[in-house]
C-alpha atoms as a PDB file:
ATOM      1  CA  MET A   1     -42.863  55.707  -2.882  1.00  0.00           C
ATOM      2  CA  ALA A   2     -44.236  53.092  -0.537  1.00  0.00           C
ATOM      3  CA  GLN A   3     -42.616  49.702  -0.703  1.00  0.00           C
ATOM      4  CA  SER A   4     -44.690  46.757  -1.831  1.00  0.00           C
ATOM      5  CA  SER A   5     -45.257  43.834   0.491  1.00  0.00           C
ATOM      6  CA  SER A   6     -42.821  41.784  -1.584  1.00  0.00           C
ATOM      7  CA  ASP A   7     -40.135  44.419  -0.982  1.00  0.00           C
ATOM      8  CA  THR A   8     -40.627  44.489   2.771  1.00  0.00           C
ATOM      9  CA  ALA A   9     -41.164  40.764   3.386  1.00  0.00           C
ATOM     10  CA  LYS A  10     -38.334  39.204   5.347  1.00  0.00           C
ATOM     11  CA  LYS A  11     -36.371  36.452   3.669  1.00  0.00           C
ATOM     12  CA  VAL A  12     -36.598  32.990   5.169  1.00  0.00           C
ATOM     13  CA  ILE A  13     -33.443  31.306   6.422  1.00  0.00           C
ATOM     14  CA  LYS A  14     -33.799  27.549   6.841  1.00  0.00           C
ATOM     15  CA  ILE A  15     -31.261  25.853   9.092  1.00  0.00           C
ATOM     16  CA  ASP A  16     -30.831  22.093   9.472  1.00  0.00           C
ATOM     17  CA  VAL A  17     -28.782  21.283  12.560  1.00  0.00           C
ATOM     18  CA  SER A  18     -27.211  17.888  13.172  1.00  0.00           C
ATOM     19  CA  SER A  19     -26.443  17.650  16.864  1.00  0.00           C
ATOM     20  CA  ASP A  20     -26.113  15.369  19.861  1.00  0.00           C
ATOM     21  CA  SER A  21     -27.691  16.323  23.172  1.00  0.00           C
ATOM     22  CA  VAL A  22     -24.505  15.329  25.025  1.00  0.00           C
ATOM     23  CA  CYS A  23     -22.066  17.141  22.732  1.00  0.00           C
ATOM     24  CA  PRO A  24     -20.443  20.123  24.518  1.00  0.00           C
ATOM     25  CA  TRP A  25     -19.615  21.924  21.268  1.00  0.00           C
ATOM     26  CA  CYS A  26     -23.254  21.539  20.205  1.00  0.00           C
ATOM     27  CA  PHE A  27     -24.253  23.362  23.392  1.00  0.00           C
ATOM     28  CA  VAL A  28     -21.762  26.144  22.695  1.00  0.00           C
ATOM     29  CA  GLY A  29     -22.859  26.303  19.066  1.00  0.00           C
ATOM     30  CA  LYS A  30     -26.512  26.586  20.005  1.00  0.00           C
ATOM     31  CA  LYS A  31     -25.807  29.465  22.380  1.00  0.00           C
ATOM     32  CA  ASN A  32     -23.966  31.300  19.608  1.00  0.00           C
ATOM     33  CA  LEU A  33     -26.635  30.460  17.041  1.00  0.00           C
ATOM     34  CA  ASP A  34     -29.336  31.813  19.342  1.00  0.00           C
ATOM     35  CA  LYS A  35     -27.342  35.019  19.741  1.00  0.00           C
ATOM     36  CA  ALA A  36     -27.122  35.383  15.959  1.00  0.00           C
ATOM     37  CA  LEU A  37     -30.856  34.704  15.616  1.00  0.00           C
ATOM     38  CA  ALA A  38     -31.663  37.421  18.135  1.00  0.00           C
ATOM     39  CA  LEU A  39     -29.386  39.920  16.393  1.00  0.00           C
ATOM     40  CA  SER A  40     -30.926  39.324  12.976  1.00  0.00           C
ATOM     41  CA  LYS A  41     -34.584  38.606  13.778  1.00  0.00           C
ATOM     42  CA  ASP A  42     -35.641  41.905  12.209  1.00  0.00           C
ATOM     43  CA  GLN A  43     -34.002  40.936   8.918  1.00  0.00           C
ATOM     44  CA  TYR A  44     -34.992  37.305   8.497  1.00  0.00           C
ATOM     45  CA  ASP A  45     -37.547  34.705   9.441  1.00  0.00           C
ATOM     46  CA  PHE A  46     -35.982  31.443  10.558  1.00  0.00           C
ATOM     47  CA  GLU A  47     -37.017  27.806  10.229  1.00  0.00           C
ATOM     48  CA  ILE A  48     -34.710  25.627  12.322  1.00  0.00           C
ATOM     49  CA  LYS A  49     -34.926  21.851  12.336  1.00  0.00           C
ATOM     50  CA  TRP A  50     -32.848  19.610  14.580  1.00  0.00           C
ATOM     51  CA  HIS A  51     -31.561  16.226  13.440  1.00  0.00           C
ATOM     52  CA  PRO A  52     -30.002  13.447  15.538  1.00  0.00           C
ATOM     53  CA  PHE A  53     -26.357  12.495  15.734  1.00  0.00           C
ATOM     54  CA  LEU A  54     -24.888   9.898  18.095  1.00  0.00           C
ATOM     55  CA  LEU A  55     -21.391  10.704  19.302  1.00  0.00           C
ATOM     56  CA  ASN A  56     -21.288   7.312  20.973  1.00  0.00           C
ATOM     57  CA  PRO A  57     -23.803   4.876  19.417  1.00  0.00           C
ATOM     58  CA  SER A  58     -22.784   2.182  21.899  1.00  0.00           C
ATOM     59  CA  ALA A  59     -23.279   4.349  25.004  1.00  0.00           C
ATOM     60  CA  SER A  60     -25.008   2.553  27.848  1.00  0.00           C
ATOM     61  CA  ILE A  61     -28.454   3.455  29.053  1.00  0.00           C
ATOM     62  CA  GLU A  62     -27.195   3.464  32.658  1.00  0.00           C
ATOM     63  CA  GLY A  63     -24.524   6.037  31.880  1.00  0.00           C
ATOM     64  CA  VAL A  64     -20.899   6.692  32.761  1.00  0.00           C
ATOM     65  CA  ASN A  65     -19.095   9.481  34.610  1.00  0.00           C
ATOM     66  CA  LYS A  66     -19.251  12.564  32.402  1.00  0.00           C
ATOM     67  CA  LYS A  67     -15.626  13.651  32.872  1.00  0.00           C
ATOM     68  CA  GLU A  68     -14.362  10.159  32.161  1.00  0.00           C
ATOM     69  CA  TYR A  69     -16.490   9.996  29.032  1.00  0.00           C
ATOM     70  CA  TYR A  70     -15.136  13.276  27.633  1.00  0.00           C
ATOM     71  CA  LYS A  71     -11.600  12.194  28.467  1.00  0.00           C
ATOM     72  CA  SER A  72     -12.046   8.975  26.513  1.00  0.00           C
ATOM     73  CA  LYS A  73     -13.843  10.722  23.662  1.00  0.00           C
ATOM     74  CA  PHE A  74     -11.683  13.819  23.216  1.00  0.00           C
ATOM     75  CA  GLY A  75      -8.378  12.726  24.747  1.00  0.00           C
ATOM     76  CA  SER A  76      -5.906  15.565  25.284  1.00  0.00           C
ATOM     77  CA  ARG A  77      -8.503  18.061  24.033  1.00  0.00           C
ATOM     78  CA  ALA A  78     -10.725  17.369  27.024  1.00  0.00           C
ATOM     79  CA  ASP A  79      -8.908  19.629  29.495  1.00  0.00           C
ATOM     80  CA  PRO A  80      -8.802  22.758  27.301  1.00  0.00           C
ATOM     81  CA  MET A  81     -12.393  22.018  26.358  1.00  0.00           C
ATOM     82  CA  HIS A  82     -13.321  22.171  30.039  1.00  0.00           C
ATOM     83  CA  ALA A  83     -11.394  25.425  30.435  1.00  0.00           C
ATOM     84  CA  ARG A  84     -13.179  27.077  27.503  1.00  0.00           C
ATOM     85  CA  MET A  85     -16.550  26.123  28.911  1.00  0.00           C
ATOM     86  CA  ALA A  86     -15.987  26.982  32.549  1.00  0.00           C
ATOM     87  CA  GLU A  87     -19.656  27.832  33.018  1.00  0.00           C
ATOM     88  CA  ILE A  88     -20.643  24.231  32.377  1.00  0.00           C
ATOM     89  CA  ILE A  89     -20.890  21.959  35.388  1.00  0.00           C
ATOM     90  CA  PHE A  90     -19.446  18.564  34.488  1.00  0.00           C
ATOM     91  CA  VAL A  91     -21.208  16.404  37.026  1.00  0.00           C
ATOM     92  CA  ALA A  92     -23.546  13.398  37.039  1.00  0.00           C
ATOM     93  CA  ASN A  93     -23.460  10.878  34.200  1.00  0.00           C
ATOM     94  CA  SER A  94     -23.342  10.733  30.448  1.00  0.00           C
ATOM     95  CA  GLY A  95     -25.061   7.933  28.598  1.00  0.00           C
ATOM     96  CA  SER A  96     -27.126   7.079  25.560  1.00  0.00           C
ATOM     97  CA  SER A  97     -28.864  10.117  24.072  1.00  0.00           C
ATOM     98  CA  LEU A  98     -31.237   8.046  21.946  1.00  0.00           C
ATOM     99  CA  GLU A  99     -34.302   8.800  24.076  1.00  0.00           C
ATOM    100  CA  SER A 100     -33.647  12.532  23.827  1.00  0.00           C
ATOM    101  CA  HIS A 101     -33.485  12.264  20.036  1.00  0.00           C
ATOM    102  CA  ARG A 102     -36.784  10.407  19.942  1.00  0.00           C
ATOM    103  CA  LEU A 103     -38.323  13.191  21.988  1.00  0.00           C
ATOM    104  CA  ILE A 104     -36.760  15.963  19.888  1.00  0.00           C
ATOM    105  CA  LEU A 105     -38.198  14.501  16.697  1.00  0.00           C
ATOM    106  CA  PHE A 106     -41.584  14.132  18.396  1.00  0.00           C
ATOM    107  CA  ALA A 107     -41.438  17.779  19.442  1.00  0.00           C
ATOM    108  CA  GLY A 108     -40.777  18.807  15.854  1.00  0.00           C
ATOM    109  CA  LYS A 109     -44.170  17.414  14.842  1.00  0.00           C
ATOM    110  CA  GLN A 110     -45.795  19.910  17.217  1.00  0.00           C
ATOM    111  CA  GLY A 111     -43.813  22.867  15.913  1.00  0.00           C
ATOM    112  CA  LEU A 112     -40.214  23.765  15.128  1.00  0.00           C
ATOM    113  CA  ASP A 113     -40.223  26.449  17.821  1.00  0.00           C
ATOM    114  CA  LYS A 114     -41.137  23.817  20.411  1.00  0.00           C
ATOM    115  CA  GLN A 115     -38.409  21.563  19.072  1.00  0.00           C
ATOM    116  CA  HIS A 116     -35.825  24.353  19.312  1.00  0.00           C
ATOM    117  CA  ASN A 117     -36.914  25.195  22.850  1.00  0.00           C
ATOM    118  CA  LEU A 118     -36.780  21.535  23.874  1.00  0.00           C
ATOM    119  CA  VAL A 119     -33.189  21.239  22.661  1.00  0.00           C
ATOM    120  CA  GLU A 120     -32.372  24.231  24.862  1.00  0.00           C
ATOM    121  CA  GLU A 121     -34.040  22.654  27.907  1.00  0.00           C
ATOM    122  CA  LEU A 122     -32.281  19.331  27.386  1.00  0.00           C
ATOM    123  CA  MET A 123     -28.828  20.780  26.831  1.00  0.00           C
ATOM    124  CA  ASN A 124     -29.144  23.327  29.597  1.00  0.00           C
ATOM    125  CA  GLY A 125     -30.278  20.663  32.059  1.00  0.00           C
ATOM    126  CA  TYR A 126     -27.574  18.231  31.022  1.00  0.00           C
ATOM    127  CA  PHE A 127     -24.671  20.661  30.954  1.00  0.00           C
ATOM    128  CA  THR A 128     -25.487  23.175  33.682  1.00  0.00           C
ATOM    129  CA  GLN A 129     -27.681  21.230  36.113  1.00  0.00           C
ATOM    130  CA  GLY A 130     -26.069  17.804  36.001  1.00  0.00           C
ATOM    131  CA  LYS A 131     -29.169  16.063  34.673  1.00  0.00           C
ATOM    132  CA  PHE A 132     -28.798  12.581  33.196  1.00  0.00           C
ATOM    133  CA  ILE A 133     -29.834  12.689  29.523  1.00  0.00           C
ATOM    134  CA  GLY A 134     -31.483   9.275  29.748  1.00  0.00           C
ATOM    135  CA  ASP A 135     -33.604  10.066  32.800  1.00  0.00           C
ATOM    136  CA  ARG A 136     -37.285   9.785  31.896  1.00  0.00           C
ATOM    137  CA  ASP A 137     -38.423  12.302  34.510  1.00  0.00           C
ATOM    138  CA  PHE A 138     -35.951  14.864  33.161  1.00  0.00           C
ATOM    139  CA  LEU A 139     -37.107  14.266  29.591  1.00  0.00           C
ATOM    140  CA  LEU A 140     -40.768  14.637  30.540  1.00  0.00           C
ATOM    141  CA  GLU A 141     -40.141  17.735  32.639  1.00  0.00           C
ATOM    142  CA  SER A 142     -38.301  19.330  29.715  1.00  0.00           C
ATOM    143  CA  ALA A 143     -41.187  18.451  27.405  1.00  0.00           C
ATOM    144  CA  ARG A 144     -43.697  19.932  29.840  1.00  0.00           C
ATOM    145  CA  LYS A 145     -41.778  23.194  30.118  1.00  0.00           C
ATOM    146  CA  VAL A 146     -41.973  23.817  26.381  1.00  0.00           C
ATOM    147  CA  GLY A 147     -45.575  22.701  25.965  1.00  0.00           C
ATOM    148  CA  ILE A 148     -45.160  19.332  24.248  1.00  0.00           C
ATOM    149  CA  GLU A 149     -48.290  17.207  24.567  1.00  0.00           C
ATOM    150  CA  GLY A 150     -48.392  13.416  24.821  1.00  0.00           C
ATOM    151  CA  ALA A 151     -44.700  12.988  25.634  1.00  0.00           C
ATOM    152  CA  ALA A 152     -45.235  10.379  28.350  1.00  0.00           C
ATOM    153  CA  GLU A 153     -47.361   8.132  26.156  1.00  0.00           C
ATOM    154  CA  TYR A 154     -44.917   8.567  23.305  1.00  0.00           C
ATOM    155  CA  LEU A 155     -41.842   7.599  25.331  1.00  0.00           C
ATOM    156  CA  ASP A 156     -43.651   4.681  26.978  1.00  0.00           C
ATOM    157  CA  ASP A 157     -43.344   2.727  23.724  1.00  0.00           C
ATOM    158  CA  PRO A 158     -39.623   2.338  22.932  1.00  0.00           C
ATOM    159  CA  ASN A 159     -40.459   1.793  19.278  1.00  0.00           C
ATOM    160  CA  ASN A 160     -42.150   5.159  18.818  1.00  0.00           C
ATOM    161  CA  GLY A 161     -39.945   7.293  16.585  1.00  0.00           C
ATOM    162  CA  LEU A 162     -37.095   4.769  16.614  1.00  0.00           C
ATOM    163  CA  GLN A 163     -37.245   4.110  12.883  1.00  0.00           C
ATOM    164  CA  GLU A 164     -37.473   7.824  12.188  1.00  0.00           C
ATOM    165  CA  VAL A 165     -34.348   8.454  14.260  1.00  0.00           C
ATOM    166  CA  LYS A 166     -32.527   5.756  12.312  1.00  0.00           C
ATOM    167  CA  GLU A 167     -33.658   7.229   8.993  1.00  0.00           C
ATOM    168  CA  GLU A 168     -32.552  10.708  10.035  1.00  0.00           C
ATOM    169  CA  LEU A 169     -29.169   9.376  11.164  1.00  0.00           C
ATOM    170  CA  GLY A 170     -28.739   7.756   7.768  1.00  0.00           C
ATOM    171  CA  LYS A 171     -29.805  10.862   5.869  1.00  0.00           C
ATOM    172  CA  TYR A 172     -28.059  13.621   7.807  1.00  0.00           C
ATOM    173  CA  SER A 173     -25.163  11.923   9.590  1.00  0.00           C
ATOM    174  CA  ALA A 174     -23.780   9.806   6.776  1.00  0.00           C
ATOM    175  CA  ASN A 175     -21.704  12.564   5.186  1.00  0.00           C
ATOM    176  CA  ILE A 176     -20.473  14.435   8.256  1.00  0.00           C
ATOM    177  CA  SER A 177     -17.675  13.521  10.626  1.00  0.00           C
ATOM    178  CA  GLY A 178     -18.702  15.555  13.654  1.00  0.00           C
ATOM    179  CA  VAL A 179     -21.174  17.919  15.212  1.00  0.00           C
ATOM    180  CA  PRO A 180     -22.577  20.460  15.446  1.00  0.00           C
ATOM    181  CA  HIS A 181     -23.136  20.676  11.707  1.00  0.00           C
ATOM    182  CA  TYR A 182     -25.338  23.287  10.072  1.00  0.00           C
ATOM    183  CA  VAL A 183     -26.814  23.405   6.581  1.00  0.00           C
ATOM    184  CA  ILE A 184     -28.246  26.824   5.761  1.00  0.00           C
ATOM    185  CA  ASN A 185     -30.845  27.109   3.012  1.00  0.00           C
ATOM    186  CA  GLY A 186     -29.890  23.668   1.787  1.00  0.00           C
ATOM    187  CA  LYS A 187     -26.378  24.508   0.560  1.00  0.00           C
ATOM    188  CA  HIS A 188     -24.239  26.630   2.883  1.00  0.00           C
ATOM    189  CA  GLN A 189     -22.522  24.476   5.506  1.00  0.00           C
ATOM    190  CA  LEU A 190     -20.856  25.251   8.816  1.00  0.00           C
ATOM    191  CA  SER A 191     -19.347  22.944  11.412  1.00  0.00           C
ATOM    192  CA  GLY A 192     -18.326  23.339  15.025  1.00  0.00           C
ATOM    193  CA  GLY A 193     -19.201  25.760  17.805  1.00  0.00           C
ATOM    194  CA  GLN A 194     -18.949  28.818  15.585  1.00  0.00           C
ATOM    195  CA  PRO A 195     -19.181  32.336  17.045  1.00  0.00           C
ATOM    196  CA  ALA A 196     -22.299  34.391  16.362  1.00  0.00           C
ATOM    197  CA  GLU A 197     -20.469  36.552  13.825  1.00  0.00           C
ATOM    198  CA  VAL A 198     -19.889  33.536  11.570  1.00  0.00           C
ATOM    199  CA  PHE A 199     -23.588  32.716  11.602  1.00  0.00           C
ATOM    200  CA  LEU A 200     -24.461  36.310  10.771  1.00  0.00           C
ATOM    201  CA  ARG A 201     -22.186  36.279   7.730  1.00  0.00           C
ATOM    202  CA  ALA A 202     -23.626  32.938   6.638  1.00  0.00           C
ATOM    203  CA  PHE A 203     -27.165  34.349   6.865  1.00  0.00           C
ATOM    204  CA  GLN A 204     -26.171  37.237   4.612  1.00  0.00           C
ATOM    205  CA  VAL A 205     -24.675  34.921   2.022  1.00  0.00           C
ATOM    206  CA  ALA A 206     -27.627  32.519   2.134  1.00  0.00           C
ATOM    207  CA  ALA A 207     -30.149  35.333   1.744  1.00  0.00           C
ATOM    208  CA  LYS A 208     -28.643  36.630  -1.492  1.00  0.00           C
END
């Protein structure tokens, strides 16, 4: 007997990710999430939406040395963190990620796939190429690579998207203590740079 379209249709997994562009565990978590997505793309359709989180709300626009920042932020955990992520080049500066969050939310209005790809470009550039997260040229180049239109005009006005970022911070960051944080299908929650296998199990549970 042939299966009906309702039998063969893939279930949709919706994932809300709270993340900061300068968070090393968010970078690790995204890599593992992407691996899980690739392994299960034949089973599910995914809708992934990224939400802002500010690890350091008072970070300067000019930036500080990245190693010094992680040392002050993570203390004794900084050295083993570096060891676990040996592929990441800790060079250049770390600073306010607010502009990246404005751009990420703007990208989401042009498609969640574009938003997801932009997060990859930003994190990859910041962590593996030593790009400064607040550099306008880097932000615009990342936007261009993933096909986001109107990014320059949008970023030119510092008020564009600012209120939306604040609202998202209030809605999604208020009840979590750290990132990355994932909410799957509105109820199943995960935190930290989880391995792909954990995501795969969470997809199975959420799809039931």
